[in-house]
Every structure is written in C-alpha cells, then in structure tokens.
Amino acid sequence: MAGGTTVDLRGGWDKVWNTISASFGGFMMLMTILGVVLIVFALFKYFWDKRRGGSPNAGALGWAIALGALLSGPGLIIPVLLSGFDIIANAVAKIFSDNIK
C-alpha cells in the first residue's frame, strides 16, 4: 500500500499463465476443463455410491481430486487462491495504513 499501490498477485500470475497458454493454443484451456470435469465427476460418483448404500471408495476420490487439481491448477485453482490472498493482503495493509495515519 506504499504510495497508493495495492497487492496484485493474481495480475502477475495472469501475465505468466497467458504467456504460457498462448504458446500451446487451446491445450491449456482443455486441460483446465478436463480437470474440473474430473473433480465434479469424482465427487458425483462418490456421493452417488454413498447414497445408494454402497461403500464409496475414498481412496479413488482422493486420487481423482488430486489429478483434477493438477490439471486445473494453473488455469483455475491458482488464480482463485491468489485472488483470496490479494483480498487478505490488501485488507491487512489497509488496516495497518489506517492505524499509522
């Protein structure tokens, strides 16, 4: 917040990720979409098996979520986390700058 600037971790990541994505065309977007679909399908199957009274396989759920997060991480999970960190860091910086004045 020094000099009126704010923390923008997401903006930096977007520049890096857009540069990488431009090199691979639509492959990175496809990777992100497949990761999200994998996570949603794994959760749906887990809760469906649990509802039907069967024994849901938590190990398979963990592996599916891990693989889905790996695939969708750079395009979805990292930007969401960085946006959260931006909000927290800017709020803390605002509190400290208000108390210093």
N, C-alpha and C. Protein backbone atom coordinates (compact mmCIF):
# COMPACT_ATOMS: atom_id res chain seq x y z
N MET A 1 0.82 -1.19 0.00
CA MET A 1 0.00 0.00 0.00
C MET A 1 0.86 1.25 0.00
N ALA A 2 2.17 1.08 0.02
CA ALA A 2 3.05 2.25 0.00
C ALA A 2 2.88 2.97 -1.33
N GLY A 3 2.64 4.25 -1.25
CA GLY A 3 2.49 5.03 -2.47
C GLY A 3 1.15 4.81 -3.14
N GLY A 4 0.16 4.26 -2.45
CA GLY A 4 -1.17 4.07 -3.02
C GLY A 4 -1.31 2.82 -3.87
N THR A 5 -0.32 1.96 -3.90
CA THR A 5 -0.41 0.73 -4.68
C THR A 5 -1.06 -0.36 -3.85
N THR A 6 -1.55 -1.37 -4.53
CA THR A 6 -2.16 -2.50 -3.85
C THR A 6 -1.45 -3.78 -4.25
N VAL A 7 -1.67 -4.81 -3.49
CA VAL A 7 -1.10 -6.12 -3.79
C VAL A 7 -1.90 -6.72 -4.95
N ASP A 8 -1.21 -7.22 -5.96
CA ASP A 8 -1.88 -7.82 -7.13
C ASP A 8 -1.13 -9.07 -7.55
N LEU A 9 -1.23 -10.11 -6.74
CA LEU A 9 -0.59 -11.38 -7.07
C LEU A 9 -1.26 -12.03 -8.27
N ARG A 10 -2.57 -11.93 -8.34
CA ARG A 10 -3.32 -12.55 -9.43
C ARG A 10 -2.93 -11.95 -10.78
N GLY A 11 -2.74 -10.64 -10.82
CA GLY A 11 -2.36 -9.98 -12.07
C GLY A 11 -1.04 -10.50 -12.61
N GLY A 12 -0.08 -10.70 -11.70
CA GLY A 12 1.21 -11.25 -12.12
C GLY A 12 1.09 -12.66 -12.65
N TRP A 13 0.28 -13.48 -11.96
CA TRP A 13 0.09 -14.86 -12.41
C TRP A 13 -0.62 -14.89 -13.76
N ASP A 14 -1.61 -14.02 -13.94
CA ASP A 14 -2.33 -13.98 -15.21
C ASP A 14 -1.40 -13.67 -16.37
N LYS A 15 -0.45 -12.77 -16.16
CA LYS A 15 0.52 -12.45 -17.22
C LYS A 15 1.36 -13.66 -17.57
N VAL A 16 1.84 -14.35 -16.54
CA VAL A 16 2.67 -15.55 -16.76
C VAL A 16 1.86 -16.63 -17.45
N TRP A 17 0.67 -16.90 -16.93
CA TRP A 17 -0.14 -18.00 -17.46
C TRP A 17 -0.62 -17.71 -18.87
N ASN A 18 -0.98 -16.46 -19.17
CA ASN A 18 -1.41 -16.11 -20.52
C ASN A 18 -0.28 -16.27 -21.53
N THR A 19 0.94 -15.96 -21.11
CA THR A 19 2.10 -16.14 -21.99
C THR A 19 2.32 -17.62 -22.28
N ILE A 20 2.24 -18.45 -21.24
CA ILE A 20 2.40 -19.90 -21.43
C ILE A 20 1.28 -20.46 -22.28
N SER A 21 0.04 -20.06 -21.97
CA SER A 21 -1.12 -20.58 -22.71
C SER A 21 -1.08 -20.21 -24.18
N ALA A 22 -0.58 -19.02 -24.48
CA ALA A 22 -0.50 -18.59 -25.88
C ALA A 22 0.42 -19.50 -26.69
N SER A 23 1.41 -20.09 -26.02
CA SER A 23 2.35 -20.98 -26.72
C SER A 23 1.71 -22.32 -27.08
N PHE A 24 0.70 -22.73 -26.32
CA PHE A 24 0.11 -24.04 -26.52
C PHE A 24 -1.28 -23.98 -27.15
N GLY A 25 -1.73 -22.84 -27.53
CA GLY A 25 -3.05 -22.72 -28.13
C GLY A 25 -4.14 -23.04 -27.13
N GLY A 26 -5.10 -23.86 -27.52
CA GLY A 26 -6.22 -24.21 -26.66
C GLY A 26 -5.97 -25.39 -25.75
N PHE A 27 -4.77 -25.95 -25.79
CA PHE A 27 -4.48 -27.15 -24.98
C PHE A 27 -4.60 -26.88 -23.49
N MET A 28 -4.12 -25.73 -23.05
CA MET A 28 -4.17 -25.42 -21.62
C MET A 28 -5.61 -25.24 -21.14
N MET A 29 -6.46 -24.63 -21.96
CA MET A 29 -7.87 -24.48 -21.60
C MET A 29 -8.53 -25.85 -21.54
N LEU A 30 -8.20 -26.73 -22.49
CA LEU A 30 -8.73 -28.08 -22.48
C LEU A 30 -8.29 -28.82 -21.22
N MET A 31 -7.06 -28.64 -20.82
CA MET A 31 -6.53 -29.26 -19.61
C MET A 31 -7.30 -28.78 -18.38
N THR A 32 -7.58 -27.50 -18.30
CA THR A 32 -8.34 -26.94 -17.18
C THR A 32 -9.75 -27.50 -17.15
N ILE A 33 -10.40 -27.56 -18.29
CA ILE A 33 -11.76 -28.08 -18.36
C ILE A 33 -11.80 -29.54 -17.98
N LEU A 34 -10.86 -30.34 -18.47
CA LEU A 34 -10.82 -31.77 -18.11
C LEU A 34 -10.59 -31.96 -16.62
N GLY A 35 -9.77 -31.13 -16.00
CA GLY A 35 -9.53 -31.22 -14.57
C GLY A 35 -10.79 -30.96 -13.77
N VAL A 36 -11.52 -29.92 -14.15
CA VAL A 36 -12.76 -29.59 -13.45
C VAL A 36 -13.80 -30.69 -13.64
N VAL A 37 -13.93 -31.19 -14.85
CA VAL A 37 -14.88 -32.28 -15.12
C VAL A 37 -14.51 -33.52 -14.31
N LEU A 38 -13.24 -33.82 -14.21
CA LEU A 38 -12.79 -34.98 -13.43
C LEU A 38 -13.16 -34.82 -11.96
N ILE A 39 -12.94 -33.65 -11.40
CA ILE A 39 -13.28 -33.40 -9.99
C ILE A 39 -14.79 -33.52 -9.77
N VAL A 40 -15.56 -32.89 -10.64
CA VAL A 40 -17.02 -32.93 -10.49
C VAL A 40 -17.54 -34.36 -10.63
N PHE A 41 -17.04 -35.11 -11.61
CA PHE A 41 -17.47 -36.49 -11.80
C PHE A 41 -17.10 -37.36 -10.60
N ALA A 42 -15.88 -37.18 -10.07
CA ALA A 42 -15.45 -37.98 -8.92
C ALA A 42 -16.31 -37.70 -7.70
N LEU A 43 -16.61 -36.43 -7.45
CA LEU A 43 -17.48 -36.09 -6.32
C LEU A 43 -18.89 -36.63 -6.51
N PHE A 44 -19.41 -36.50 -7.73
CA PHE A 44 -20.74 -37.03 -8.03
C PHE A 44 -20.79 -38.54 -7.80
N LYS A 45 -19.79 -39.26 -8.30
CA LYS A 45 -19.76 -40.71 -8.15
C LYS A 45 -19.63 -41.11 -6.68
N TYR A 46 -18.81 -40.39 -5.93
CA TYR A 46 -18.63 -40.69 -4.51
C TYR A 46 -19.95 -40.55 -3.75
N PHE A 47 -20.62 -39.40 -3.95
CA PHE A 47 -21.88 -39.19 -3.23
C PHE A 47 -23.00 -40.08 -3.75
N TRP A 48 -22.96 -40.44 -5.03
CA TRP A 48 -23.96 -41.36 -5.57
C TRP A 48 -23.79 -42.74 -4.94
N ASP A 49 -22.56 -43.22 -4.86
CA ASP A 49 -22.31 -44.52 -4.23
C ASP A 49 -22.72 -44.49 -2.75
N LYS A 50 -22.45 -43.40 -2.08
CA LYS A 50 -22.80 -43.27 -0.67
C LYS A 50 -24.32 -43.26 -0.50
N ARG A 51 -25.03 -42.60 -1.39
CA ARG A 51 -26.49 -42.54 -1.33
C ARG A 51 -27.11 -43.90 -1.58
N ARG A 52 -26.51 -44.65 -2.49
CA ARG A 52 -27.05 -45.97 -2.84
C ARG A 52 -26.75 -47.01 -1.77
N GLY A 53 -26.02 -46.64 -0.74
CA GLY A 53 -25.74 -47.57 0.34
C GLY A 53 -24.50 -48.41 0.12
N GLY A 54 -23.83 -48.19 -0.99
CA GLY A 54 -22.60 -48.92 -1.26
C GLY A 54 -21.45 -48.34 -0.47
N SER A 55 -20.33 -48.95 -0.63
CA SER A 55 -19.14 -48.47 0.07
C SER A 55 -18.37 -47.54 -0.87
N PRO A 56 -18.45 -46.21 -0.65
CA PRO A 56 -17.72 -45.31 -1.53
C PRO A 56 -16.21 -45.46 -1.34
N ASN A 57 -15.50 -45.40 -2.43
CA ASN A 57 -14.06 -45.57 -2.42
C ASN A 57 -13.39 -44.22 -2.21
N ALA A 58 -13.06 -43.90 -0.97
CA ALA A 58 -12.46 -42.61 -0.65
C ALA A 58 -11.06 -42.47 -1.25
N GLY A 59 -10.34 -43.56 -1.37
CA GLY A 59 -9.00 -43.51 -1.97
C GLY A 59 -9.05 -43.09 -3.42
N ALA A 60 -10.01 -43.66 -4.16
CA ALA A 60 -10.17 -43.29 -5.57
C ALA A 60 -10.60 -41.83 -5.68
N LEU A 61 -11.45 -41.38 -4.75
CA LEU A 61 -11.87 -39.98 -4.75
C LEU A 61 -10.67 -39.06 -4.55
N GLY A 62 -9.81 -39.40 -3.62
CA GLY A 62 -8.63 -38.60 -3.36
C GLY A 62 -7.72 -38.50 -4.57
N TRP A 63 -7.49 -39.63 -5.23
CA TRP A 63 -6.63 -39.62 -6.41
C TRP A 63 -7.26 -38.83 -7.55
N ALA A 64 -8.57 -38.97 -7.72
CA ALA A 64 -9.25 -38.24 -8.80
C ALA A 64 -9.21 -36.74 -8.54
N ILE A 65 -9.43 -36.33 -7.29
CA ILE A 65 -9.38 -34.91 -6.97
C ILE A 65 -7.96 -34.37 -7.13
N ALA A 66 -6.96 -35.15 -6.72
CA ALA A 66 -5.57 -34.73 -6.88
C ALA A 66 -5.21 -34.55 -8.36
N LEU A 67 -5.60 -35.51 -9.19
CA LEU A 67 -5.32 -35.40 -10.62
C LEU A 67 -6.08 -34.24 -11.25
N GLY A 68 -7.34 -34.08 -10.86
CA GLY A 68 -8.13 -32.97 -11.38
C GLY A 68 -7.55 -31.63 -10.96
N ALA A 69 -7.07 -31.54 -9.72
CA ALA A 69 -6.46 -30.30 -9.24
C ALA A 69 -5.16 -30.02 -9.97
N LEU A 70 -4.41 -31.06 -10.27
CA LEU A 70 -3.17 -30.89 -11.02
C LEU A 70 -3.45 -30.37 -12.43
N LEU A 71 -4.49 -30.90 -13.05
CA LEU A 71 -4.83 -30.47 -14.41
C LEU A 71 -5.42 -29.06 -14.44
N SER A 72 -6.28 -28.76 -13.47
CA SER A 72 -6.95 -27.46 -13.49
C SER A 72 -6.24 -26.40 -12.66
N GLY A 73 -5.19 -26.78 -11.96
CA GLY A 73 -4.49 -25.86 -11.07
C GLY A 73 -4.02 -24.57 -11.69
N PRO A 74 -3.23 -24.62 -12.74
CA PRO A 74 -2.69 -23.36 -13.29
C PRO A 74 -3.75 -22.43 -13.86
N GLY A 75 -4.82 -22.98 -14.38
CA GLY A 75 -5.83 -22.14 -15.01
C GLY A 75 -6.97 -21.75 -14.12
N LEU A 76 -7.18 -22.45 -12.99
CA LEU A 76 -8.33 -22.17 -12.15
C LEU A 76 -7.99 -22.06 -10.67
N ILE A 77 -7.35 -23.06 -10.12
CA ILE A 77 -7.13 -23.10 -8.68
C ILE A 77 -6.13 -22.04 -8.23
N ILE A 78 -5.02 -21.90 -8.92
CA ILE A 78 -4.01 -20.90 -8.54
C ILE A 78 -4.58 -19.48 -8.63
N PRO A 79 -5.28 -19.12 -9.71
CA PRO A 79 -5.86 -17.76 -9.75
C PRO A 79 -6.88 -17.50 -8.63
N VAL A 80 -7.68 -18.50 -8.28
CA VAL A 80 -8.66 -18.32 -7.21
C VAL A 80 -7.94 -18.12 -5.88
N LEU A 81 -6.92 -18.93 -5.61
CA LEU A 81 -6.17 -18.78 -4.36
C LEU A 81 -5.45 -17.43 -4.31
N LEU A 82 -4.84 -17.03 -5.41
CA LEU A 82 -4.14 -15.74 -5.43
C LEU A 82 -5.11 -14.57 -5.25
N SER A 83 -6.31 -14.69 -5.78
CA SER A 83 -7.31 -13.64 -5.57
C SER A 83 -7.66 -13.53 -4.09
N GLY A 84 -7.79 -14.67 -3.43
CA GLY A 84 -8.05 -14.67 -1.99
C GLY A 84 -6.90 -14.04 -1.21
N PHE A 85 -5.67 -14.40 -1.57
CA PHE A 85 -4.51 -13.80 -0.92
C PHE A 85 -4.45 -12.29 -1.17
N ASP A 86 -4.81 -11.86 -2.39
CA ASP A 86 -4.85 -10.42 -2.70
C ASP A 86 -5.82 -9.70 -1.77
N ILE A 87 -7.00 -10.26 -1.60
CA ILE A 87 -8.02 -9.64 -0.75
C ILE A 87 -7.52 -9.54 0.69
N ILE A 88 -6.95 -10.63 1.19
CA ILE A 88 -6.45 -10.64 2.58
C ILE A 88 -5.29 -9.66 2.74
N ALA A 89 -4.34 -9.70 1.84
CA ALA A 89 -3.16 -8.82 1.95
C ALA A 89 -3.56 -7.35 1.85
N ASN A 90 -4.47 -7.03 0.94
CA ASN A 90 -4.91 -5.64 0.81
C ASN A 90 -5.69 -5.18 2.03
N ALA A 91 -6.50 -6.08 2.62
CA ALA A 91 -7.25 -5.72 3.83
C ALA A 91 -6.29 -5.46 5.00
N VAL A 92 -5.31 -6.34 5.16
CA VAL A 92 -4.34 -6.16 6.25
C VAL A 92 -3.53 -4.89 6.03
N ALA A 93 -3.10 -4.65 4.82
CA ALA A 93 -2.34 -3.43 4.52
C ALA A 93 -3.18 -2.19 4.76
N LYS A 94 -4.46 -2.26 4.42
CA LYS A 94 -5.36 -1.12 4.66
C LYS A 94 -5.52 -0.86 6.14
N ILE A 95 -5.67 -1.91 6.93
CA ILE A 95 -5.80 -1.76 8.38
C ILE A 95 -4.56 -1.11 8.96
N PHE A 96 -3.38 -1.59 8.56
CA PHE A 96 -2.14 -1.03 9.08
C PHE A 96 -1.92 0.39 8.61
N SER A 97 -2.27 0.70 7.36
CA SER A 97 -2.06 2.07 6.86
C SER A 97 -3.02 3.03 7.54
N ASP A 98 -4.23 2.58 7.86
CA ASP A 98 -5.19 3.45 8.57
C ASP A 98 -4.75 3.70 9.99
N ASN A 99 -4.13 2.71 10.63
CA ASN A 99 -3.68 2.88 12.01
C ASN A 99 -2.43 3.73 12.12
N ILE A 100 -1.64 3.78 11.07
CA ILE A 100 -0.40 4.55 11.09
C ILE A 100 -0.69 6.04 10.93
N LYS A 101 -1.72 6.37 10.16
CA LYS A 101 -2.03 7.79 9.89
C LYS A 101 -2.50 8.47 11.09
